[in-house]
Amino acid sequence: MVDAELSGAPLSNDRGTAMWKGLIQVTRATAKRVGEVYGVPFDWDDGPPLGKSRSPLLKLEPVGAQFKEIRSTPFVGAIRNCLVVFGWVDTPMGSRKQTPPDLLWILTLSSNDGEVVWNVNQDEIIGVSSIELAEQIVKQLIEYRDEYQKA
């Protein structure tokens, strides 16, 4: 894949879609390997059609990392952007602290020496593999939970 194919809507092509699905799988496996934090286990929800969440969700109660797709046409169009949203997970009690606010990671792809790599928020994380990004997602979720618990 050349840089020209990565400009515009890089996740709308087959390679980008495969990398997005691969990132989700690797993140799930990374969380499973870690197992739990502070006695709280990671939990995974696949999203539709069998899961309870709207899209794949890695949970570390009471927060989670939601893997969201922004499509050209809702539900069926090509994927334009991929997001990881760190935030509070709905509970039966329905209560939520107002802080910290949701944290949004906008993911893009770029080419680094012929290898397709991930970037987060343009320059927050640059040029990482799916494995490295999955580790960063798990780490960020733990940090977000710590912030949530302090608030």
N, C-alpha and C. Protein backbone atom coordinates (compact mmCIF):
# COMPACT_ATOMS: atom_id res chain seq x y z
N MET A 1 0.86 -1.17 0.00
CA MET A 1 0.00 0.00 0.00
C MET A 1 0.90 1.23 0.00
N VAL A 2 0.61 2.15 -0.85
CA VAL A 2 1.42 3.36 -0.93
C VAL A 2 0.71 4.50 -0.21
N ASP A 3 1.46 5.57 0.03
CA ASP A 3 0.90 6.70 0.77
C ASP A 3 -0.35 7.26 0.12
N ALA A 4 -0.41 7.27 -1.21
CA ALA A 4 -1.59 7.80 -1.89
C ALA A 4 -2.85 7.02 -1.52
N GLU A 5 -2.70 5.71 -1.33
CA GLU A 5 -3.86 4.90 -0.95
C GLU A 5 -4.27 5.14 0.50
N LEU A 6 -3.39 5.73 1.30
CA LEU A 6 -3.68 5.97 2.71
C LEU A 6 -4.27 7.34 2.97
N SER A 7 -4.28 8.21 1.95
CA SER A 7 -4.84 9.53 2.16
C SER A 7 -6.36 9.48 1.99
N GLY A 8 -7.02 10.48 2.48
CA GLY A 8 -8.48 10.53 2.37
C GLY A 8 -9.14 9.63 3.37
N ALA A 9 -9.70 8.52 2.91
CA ALA A 9 -10.40 7.58 3.78
C ALA A 9 -9.66 6.24 3.78
N PRO A 10 -8.52 6.18 4.43
CA PRO A 10 -7.67 4.99 4.35
C PRO A 10 -8.30 3.73 4.91
N LEU A 11 -9.26 3.86 5.79
CA LEU A 11 -9.86 2.68 6.39
C LEU A 11 -11.00 2.13 5.54
N SER A 12 -11.29 2.80 4.42
CA SER A 12 -12.40 2.34 3.58
C SER A 12 -11.98 1.26 2.60
N ASN A 13 -10.67 0.98 2.50
CA ASN A 13 -10.25 -0.08 1.59
C ASN A 13 -10.13 -1.40 2.36
N ASP A 14 -9.96 -2.48 1.62
CA ASP A 14 -9.92 -3.81 2.23
C ASP A 14 -8.80 -3.96 3.25
N ARG A 15 -7.63 -3.40 2.96
CA ARG A 15 -6.50 -3.51 3.89
C ARG A 15 -6.81 -2.79 5.20
N GLY A 16 -7.38 -1.59 5.09
CA GLY A 16 -7.72 -0.82 6.29
C GLY A 16 -8.77 -1.53 7.13
N THR A 17 -9.78 -2.09 6.47
CA THR A 17 -10.83 -2.82 7.19
C THR A 17 -10.25 -4.05 7.88
N ALA A 18 -9.36 -4.76 7.21
CA ALA A 18 -8.73 -5.94 7.81
C ALA A 18 -7.87 -5.54 9.01
N MET A 19 -7.17 -4.42 8.91
CA MET A 19 -6.34 -3.97 10.03
C MET A 19 -7.21 -3.57 11.22
N TRP A 20 -8.34 -2.93 10.97
CA TRP A 20 -9.26 -2.53 12.04
C TRP A 20 -9.79 -3.78 12.76
N LYS A 21 -10.24 -4.76 12.00
CA LYS A 21 -10.74 -6.00 12.62
C LYS A 21 -9.63 -6.72 13.37
N GLY A 22 -8.42 -6.70 12.80
CA GLY A 22 -7.28 -7.31 13.45
C GLY A 22 -6.92 -6.61 14.76
N LEU A 23 -7.00 -5.28 14.77
CA LEU A 23 -6.72 -4.51 15.98
C LEU A 23 -7.70 -4.89 17.09
N ILE A 24 -8.96 -5.03 16.74
CA ILE A 24 -9.97 -5.42 17.73
C ILE A 24 -9.63 -6.79 18.31
N GLN A 25 -9.27 -7.74 17.45
CA GLN A 25 -8.94 -9.09 17.92
C GLN A 25 -7.69 -9.09 18.81
N VAL A 26 -6.69 -8.34 18.40
CA VAL A 26 -5.44 -8.28 19.18
C VAL A 26 -5.68 -7.61 20.53
N THR A 27 -6.52 -6.58 20.56
CA THR A 27 -6.83 -5.91 21.82
C THR A 27 -7.55 -6.86 22.76
N ARG A 28 -8.48 -7.62 22.23
CA ARG A 28 -9.19 -8.60 23.05
C ARG A 28 -8.20 -9.63 23.63
N ALA A 29 -7.30 -10.12 22.80
CA ALA A 29 -6.31 -11.11 23.25
C ALA A 29 -5.35 -10.52 24.29
N THR A 30 -4.97 -9.26 24.11
CA THR A 30 -4.08 -8.60 25.06
C THR A 30 -4.75 -8.47 26.42
N ALA A 31 -6.00 -8.05 26.42
CA ALA A 31 -6.75 -7.92 27.68
C ALA A 31 -6.92 -9.29 28.35
N LYS A 32 -7.15 -10.31 27.56
CA LYS A 32 -7.31 -11.66 28.11
C LYS A 32 -5.99 -12.10 28.75
N ARG A 33 -4.88 -11.78 28.11
CA ARG A 33 -3.57 -12.14 28.64
C ARG A 33 -3.30 -11.42 29.96
N VAL A 34 -3.66 -10.14 30.05
CA VAL A 34 -3.48 -9.38 31.28
C VAL A 34 -4.42 -9.91 32.36
N GLY A 35 -5.64 -10.24 31.97
CA GLY A 35 -6.60 -10.87 32.88
C GLY A 35 -7.37 -9.92 33.74
N GLU A 36 -6.71 -9.29 34.71
CA GLU A 36 -7.40 -8.40 35.62
C GLU A 36 -6.46 -7.33 36.14
N VAL A 37 -7.05 -6.27 36.67
CA VAL A 37 -6.31 -5.17 37.27
C VAL A 37 -7.00 -4.82 38.58
N TYR A 38 -6.25 -4.78 39.65
CA TYR A 38 -6.80 -4.47 40.98
C TYR A 38 -7.94 -5.42 41.35
N GLY A 39 -7.85 -6.66 40.89
CA GLY A 39 -8.89 -7.64 41.18
C GLY A 39 -10.12 -7.52 40.31
N VAL A 40 -10.12 -6.59 39.37
CA VAL A 40 -11.26 -6.40 38.45
C VAL A 40 -10.89 -7.01 37.10
N PRO A 41 -11.66 -8.00 36.65
CA PRO A 41 -11.32 -8.65 35.38
C PRO A 41 -11.72 -7.79 34.17
N PHE A 42 -10.93 -7.93 33.11
CA PHE A 42 -11.34 -7.36 31.83
C PHE A 42 -12.50 -8.20 31.32
N ASP A 43 -13.43 -7.56 30.66
CA ASP A 43 -14.57 -8.26 30.08
C ASP A 43 -14.72 -7.76 28.65
N TRP A 44 -15.17 -8.62 27.77
CA TRP A 44 -15.30 -8.26 26.36
C TRP A 44 -16.74 -8.44 25.91
N ASP A 45 -17.23 -7.47 25.15
CA ASP A 45 -18.55 -7.56 24.52
C ASP A 45 -18.32 -7.37 23.03
N ASP A 46 -18.73 -8.37 22.24
CA ASP A 46 -18.50 -8.32 20.79
C ASP A 46 -19.35 -7.29 20.06
N GLY A 47 -20.37 -6.77 20.71
CA GLY A 47 -21.28 -5.87 20.01
C GLY A 47 -22.24 -6.70 19.17
N PRO A 48 -22.94 -6.05 18.23
CA PRO A 48 -23.94 -6.77 17.44
C PRO A 48 -23.33 -7.93 16.66
N PRO A 49 -24.07 -8.97 16.40
CA PRO A 49 -25.48 -9.16 16.76
C PRO A 49 -25.68 -9.82 18.12
N LEU A 50 -24.64 -10.42 18.71
CA LEU A 50 -24.83 -11.18 19.94
C LEU A 50 -24.54 -10.40 21.22
N GLY A 51 -23.75 -9.36 21.13
CA GLY A 51 -23.37 -8.60 22.32
C GLY A 51 -24.43 -7.60 22.74
N LYS A 52 -24.22 -7.02 23.90
CA LYS A 52 -25.17 -6.04 24.44
C LYS A 52 -24.82 -4.60 24.03
N SER A 53 -23.55 -4.36 23.70
CA SER A 53 -23.14 -3.00 23.33
C SER A 53 -23.38 -2.75 21.85
N ARG A 54 -23.27 -1.50 21.45
CA ARG A 54 -23.51 -1.11 20.06
C ARG A 54 -22.36 -1.46 19.13
N SER A 55 -21.18 -1.65 19.71
CA SER A 55 -19.99 -2.02 18.95
C SER A 55 -19.04 -2.73 19.91
N PRO A 56 -17.97 -3.35 19.41
CA PRO A 56 -17.06 -4.06 20.31
C PRO A 56 -16.63 -3.17 21.48
N LEU A 57 -16.58 -3.78 22.68
CA LEU A 57 -16.32 -3.02 23.90
C LEU A 57 -15.45 -3.83 24.84
N LEU A 58 -14.32 -3.25 25.23
CA LEU A 58 -13.46 -3.82 26.25
C LEU A 58 -13.81 -3.12 27.55
N LYS A 59 -14.25 -3.90 28.55
CA LYS A 59 -14.70 -3.31 29.81
C LYS A 59 -13.71 -3.61 30.93
N LEU A 60 -13.53 -2.63 31.77
CA LEU A 60 -12.83 -2.75 33.03
C LEU A 60 -13.69 -1.94 34.01
N GLU A 61 -14.72 -2.59 34.53
CA GLU A 61 -15.76 -1.90 35.29
C GLU A 61 -15.19 -0.86 36.23
N PRO A 62 -15.78 0.31 36.24
CA PRO A 62 -17.02 0.73 35.60
C PRO A 62 -16.82 1.46 34.28
N VAL A 63 -15.63 1.33 33.66
CA VAL A 63 -15.35 2.03 32.41
C VAL A 63 -15.05 1.04 31.29
N GLY A 64 -14.91 1.56 30.08
CA GLY A 64 -14.61 0.69 28.96
C GLY A 64 -14.01 1.46 27.80
N ALA A 65 -13.53 0.70 26.82
CA ALA A 65 -13.01 1.24 25.56
C ALA A 65 -13.89 0.70 24.44
N GLN A 66 -14.65 1.59 23.82
CA GLN A 66 -15.60 1.21 22.76
C GLN A 66 -14.93 1.42 21.40
N PHE A 67 -14.99 0.40 20.54
CA PHE A 67 -14.42 0.47 19.20
C PHE A 67 -15.53 0.86 18.24
N LYS A 68 -15.47 2.09 17.73
CA LYS A 68 -16.56 2.61 16.91
C LYS A 68 -16.10 2.88 15.49
N GLU A 69 -17.02 2.64 14.57
CA GLU A 69 -16.78 2.92 13.16
C GLU A 69 -17.67 4.06 12.72
N ILE A 70 -17.09 5.00 12.00
CA ILE A 70 -17.86 6.07 11.37
C ILE A 70 -17.94 5.68 9.90
N ARG A 71 -19.16 5.50 9.41
CA ARG A 71 -19.36 5.01 8.04
C ARG A 71 -19.92 6.10 7.13
N SER A 72 -19.69 5.94 5.83
CA SER A 72 -20.20 6.91 4.85
C SER A 72 -21.73 6.91 4.83
N THR A 73 -22.33 5.75 5.04
CA THR A 73 -23.78 5.61 5.18
C THR A 73 -24.00 4.78 6.44
N PRO A 74 -24.86 5.24 7.36
CA PRO A 74 -25.02 4.50 8.62
C PRO A 74 -25.26 3.00 8.42
N PHE A 75 -24.53 2.21 9.17
CA PHE A 75 -24.63 0.75 9.26
C PHE A 75 -24.10 -0.01 8.05
N VAL A 76 -24.13 0.54 6.85
CA VAL A 76 -23.76 -0.24 5.67
C VAL A 76 -22.66 0.37 4.82
N GLY A 77 -22.41 1.65 4.93
CA GLY A 77 -21.44 2.29 4.07
C GLY A 77 -20.01 1.90 4.41
N ALA A 78 -19.09 2.38 3.58
CA ALA A 78 -17.67 2.11 3.81
C ALA A 78 -17.22 2.79 5.09
N ILE A 79 -16.26 2.18 5.78
CA ILE A 79 -15.72 2.77 7.00
C ILE A 79 -14.88 3.99 6.62
N ARG A 80 -15.21 5.14 7.20
CA ARG A 80 -14.43 6.36 6.96
C ARG A 80 -13.41 6.60 8.05
N ASN A 81 -13.83 6.38 9.29
CA ASN A 81 -12.95 6.60 10.43
C ASN A 81 -13.18 5.53 11.48
N CYS A 82 -12.16 5.28 12.26
CA CYS A 82 -12.28 4.35 13.38
C CYS A 82 -11.89 5.10 14.64
N LEU A 83 -12.65 4.87 15.69
CA LEU A 83 -12.45 5.56 16.95
C LEU A 83 -12.37 4.55 18.08
N VAL A 84 -11.61 4.89 19.11
CA VAL A 84 -11.68 4.18 20.37
C VAL A 84 -12.10 5.24 21.38
N VAL A 85 -13.23 4.99 22.04
CA VAL A 85 -13.77 5.95 23.00
C VAL A 85 -13.66 5.34 24.39
N PHE A 86 -12.90 5.99 25.26
CA PHE A 86 -12.75 5.55 26.63
C PHE A 86 -13.78 6.31 27.45
N GLY A 87 -14.63 5.57 28.15
CA GLY A 87 -15.67 6.24 28.92
C GLY A 87 -16.37 5.29 29.87
N TRP A 88 -17.39 5.81 30.49
CA TRP A 88 -18.18 5.07 31.46
C TRP A 88 -19.03 4.03 30.73
N VAL A 89 -19.19 2.85 31.33
CA VAL A 89 -20.01 1.79 30.77
C VAL A 89 -21.35 1.79 31.48
N ASP A 90 -22.43 1.74 30.72
CA ASP A 90 -23.78 1.70 31.31
C ASP A 90 -23.89 0.54 32.29
N THR A 91 -24.54 0.81 33.40
CA THR A 91 -24.80 -0.22 34.41
C THR A 91 -26.28 -0.23 34.74
N PRO A 92 -26.78 -1.28 35.37
CA PRO A 92 -28.19 -1.30 35.75
C PRO A 92 -28.57 -0.12 36.64
N MET A 93 -27.62 0.36 37.45
CA MET A 93 -27.89 1.50 38.33
C MET A 93 -28.01 2.79 37.51
N GLY A 94 -27.32 2.84 36.38
CA GLY A 94 -27.41 4.00 35.50
C GLY A 94 -26.69 5.24 35.99
N SER A 95 -25.99 5.17 37.12
CA SER A 95 -25.33 6.37 37.64
C SER A 95 -23.96 6.54 36.99
N ARG A 96 -23.56 7.78 36.85
CA ARG A 96 -22.28 8.09 36.22
C ARG A 96 -21.69 9.34 36.83
N LYS A 97 -20.40 9.29 37.06
CA LYS A 97 -19.70 10.50 37.47
C LYS A 97 -19.53 11.36 36.23
N GLN A 98 -19.50 12.65 36.41
CA GLN A 98 -19.35 13.56 35.28
C GLN A 98 -17.89 13.69 34.84
N THR A 99 -16.97 13.27 35.70
CA THR A 99 -15.56 13.36 35.35
C THR A 99 -14.92 12.00 35.52
N PRO A 100 -13.90 11.67 34.84
CA PRO A 100 -13.34 12.47 33.76
C PRO A 100 -14.22 12.38 32.51
N PRO A 101 -14.10 13.33 31.60
CA PRO A 101 -14.88 13.25 30.36
C PRO A 101 -14.39 12.09 29.50
N ASP A 102 -15.24 11.67 28.59
CA ASP A 102 -14.83 10.62 27.65
C ASP A 102 -13.56 11.06 26.93
N LEU A 103 -12.72 10.08 26.65
CA LEU A 103 -11.47 10.32 25.93
C LEU A 103 -11.61 9.67 24.55
N LEU A 104 -11.36 10.43 23.52
CA LEU A 104 -11.55 9.97 22.14
C LEU A 104 -10.21 9.81 21.44
N TRP A 105 -9.97 8.60 20.90
CA TRP A 105 -8.81 8.36 20.05
C TRP A 105 -9.31 8.18 18.62
N ILE A 106 -8.84 9.04 17.72
CA ILE A 106 -9.15 8.93 16.30
C ILE A 106 -7.98 8.21 15.65
N LEU A 107 -8.26 7.07 15.02
CA LEU A 107 -7.21 6.25 14.45
C LEU A 107 -7.06 6.48 12.95
N THR A 108 -5.84 6.56 12.50
CA THR A 108 -5.54 6.66 11.08
C THR A 108 -4.41 5.69 10.76
N LEU A 109 -4.23 5.44 9.49
CA LEU A 109 -3.15 4.57 9.02
C LEU A 109 -2.14 5.40 8.23
N SER A 110 -0.91 4.96 8.27
CA SER A 110 0.12 5.58 7.44
C SER A 110 1.12 4.49 7.05
N SER A 111 2.01 4.85 6.15
CA SER A 111 3.03 3.91 5.70
C SER A 111 4.36 4.30 6.31
N ASN A 112 5.05 3.30 6.88
CA ASN A 112 6.36 3.53 7.49
C ASN A 112 7.30 2.47 6.93
N ASP A 113 8.16 2.88 6.00
CA ASP A 113 9.09 1.96 5.34
C ASP A 113 8.36 0.78 4.72
N GLY A 114 7.24 1.05 4.08
CA GLY A 114 6.47 0.02 3.39
C GLY A 114 5.54 -0.77 4.28
N GLU A 115 5.57 -0.52 5.58
CA GLU A 115 4.68 -1.21 6.51
C GLU A 115 3.53 -0.27 6.88
N VAL A 116 2.31 -0.80 6.90
CA VAL A 116 1.16 0.01 7.27
C VAL A 116 1.06 0.01 8.79
N VAL A 117 0.99 1.21 9.37
CA VAL A 117 1.01 1.38 10.83
C VAL A 117 -0.12 2.32 11.27
N TRP A 118 -0.40 2.29 12.57
CA TRP A 118 -1.46 3.11 13.17
C TRP A 118 -0.92 4.41 13.74
N ASN A 119 -1.77 5.42 13.71
CA ASN A 119 -1.52 6.70 14.36
C ASN A 119 -2.76 7.03 15.19
N VAL A 120 -2.56 7.72 16.30
CA VAL A 120 -3.67 8.14 17.15
C VAL A 120 -3.68 9.65 17.24
N ASN A 121 -4.85 10.25 16.97
CA ASN A 121 -5.04 11.70 17.08
C ASN A 121 -3.93 12.47 16.36
N GLN A 122 -3.63 12.05 15.17
CA GLN A 122 -2.63 12.68 14.31
C GLN A 122 -1.21 12.48 14.82
N ASP A 123 -0.92 12.93 16.05
CA ASP A 123 0.47 12.87 16.51
C ASP A 123 0.64 12.41 17.95
N GLU A 124 -0.42 11.94 18.59
CA GLU A 124 -0.31 11.47 19.97
C GLU A 124 0.47 10.15 20.06
N ILE A 125 0.14 9.23 19.19
CA ILE A 125 0.88 7.98 19.01
C ILE A 125 1.12 7.86 17.52
N ILE A 126 2.35 7.62 17.13
CA ILE A 126 2.68 7.62 15.69
C ILE A 126 3.39 6.33 15.31
N GLY A 127 2.91 5.72 14.21
CA GLY A 127 3.63 4.63 13.56
C GLY A 127 3.76 3.35 14.37
N VAL A 128 2.67 2.89 15.00
CA VAL A 128 2.73 1.67 15.79
C VAL A 128 1.98 0.53 15.11
N SER A 129 2.41 -0.67 15.42
CA SER A 129 1.74 -1.87 14.90
C SER A 129 0.43 -2.09 15.66
N SER A 130 -0.38 -3.01 15.19
CA SER A 130 -1.62 -3.35 15.88
C SER A 130 -1.34 -3.89 17.27
N ILE A 131 -0.29 -4.68 17.40
CA ILE A 131 0.06 -5.24 18.71
C ILE A 131 0.43 -4.12 19.69
N GLU A 132 1.25 -3.18 19.23
CA GLU A 132 1.63 -2.06 20.09
C GLU A 132 0.44 -1.19 20.44
N LEU A 133 -0.44 -0.95 19.47
CA LEU A 133 -1.61 -0.11 19.73
C LEU A 133 -2.57 -0.82 20.70
N ALA A 134 -2.73 -2.12 20.56
CA ALA A 134 -3.59 -2.88 21.48
C ALA A 134 -3.07 -2.74 22.91
N GLU A 135 -1.77 -2.83 23.08
CA GLU A 135 -1.17 -2.65 24.42
C GLU A 135 -1.43 -1.25 24.95
N GLN A 136 -1.35 -0.25 24.07
CA GLN A 136 -1.61 1.13 24.49
C GLN A 136 -3.08 1.33 24.86
N ILE A 137 -3.98 0.67 24.14
CA ILE A 137 -5.41 0.77 24.46
C ILE A 137 -5.68 0.19 25.84
N VAL A 138 -5.13 -0.98 26.12
CA VAL A 138 -5.31 -1.61 27.44
C VAL A 138 -4.72 -0.72 28.53
N LYS A 139 -3.52 -0.20 28.29
CA LYS A 139 -2.87 0.69 29.26
C LYS A 139 -3.70 1.94 29.49
N GLN A 140 -4.21 2.54 28.42
CA GLN A 140 -5.01 3.76 28.54
C GLN A 140 -6.30 3.48 29.30
N LEU A 141 -6.90 2.32 29.09
CA LEU A 141 -8.13 1.97 29.80
C LEU A 141 -7.85 1.86 31.30
N ILE A 142 -6.73 1.27 31.67
CA ILE A 142 -6.35 1.18 33.08
C ILE A 142 -6.16 2.58 33.67
N GLU A 143 -5.46 3.45 32.94
CA GLU A 143 -5.24 4.82 33.40
C GLU A 143 -6.57 5.57 33.50
N TYR A 144 -7.45 5.38 32.53
CA TYR A 144 -8.75 6.05 32.55
C TYR A 144 -9.55 5.59 33.78
N ARG A 145 -9.50 4.28 34.07
CA ARG A 145 -10.22 3.76 35.24
C ARG A 145 -9.65 4.37 36.52
N ASP A 146 -8.33 4.51 36.59
CA ASP A 146 -7.72 5.14 37.76
C ASP A 146 -8.24 6.58 37.94
N GLU A 147 -8.30 7.33 36.85
CA GLU A 147 -8.82 8.70 36.90
C GLU A 147 -10.28 8.70 37.32
N TYR A 148 -11.04 7.77 36.80
CA TYR A 148 -12.47 7.68 37.14
C TYR A 148 -12.64 7.40 38.63
N GLN A 149 -11.82 6.51 39.17
CA GLN A 149 -11.93 6.14 40.58
C GLN A 149 -11.55 7.31 41.48
N LYS A 150 -10.63 8.17 41.05
CA LYS A 150 -10.20 9.32 41.84
C LYS A 150 -11.26 10.42 41.86
N ALA A 151 -12.00 10.54 40.76
CA ALA A 151 -12.95 11.66 40.61
C ALA A 151 -14.12 11.54 41.56
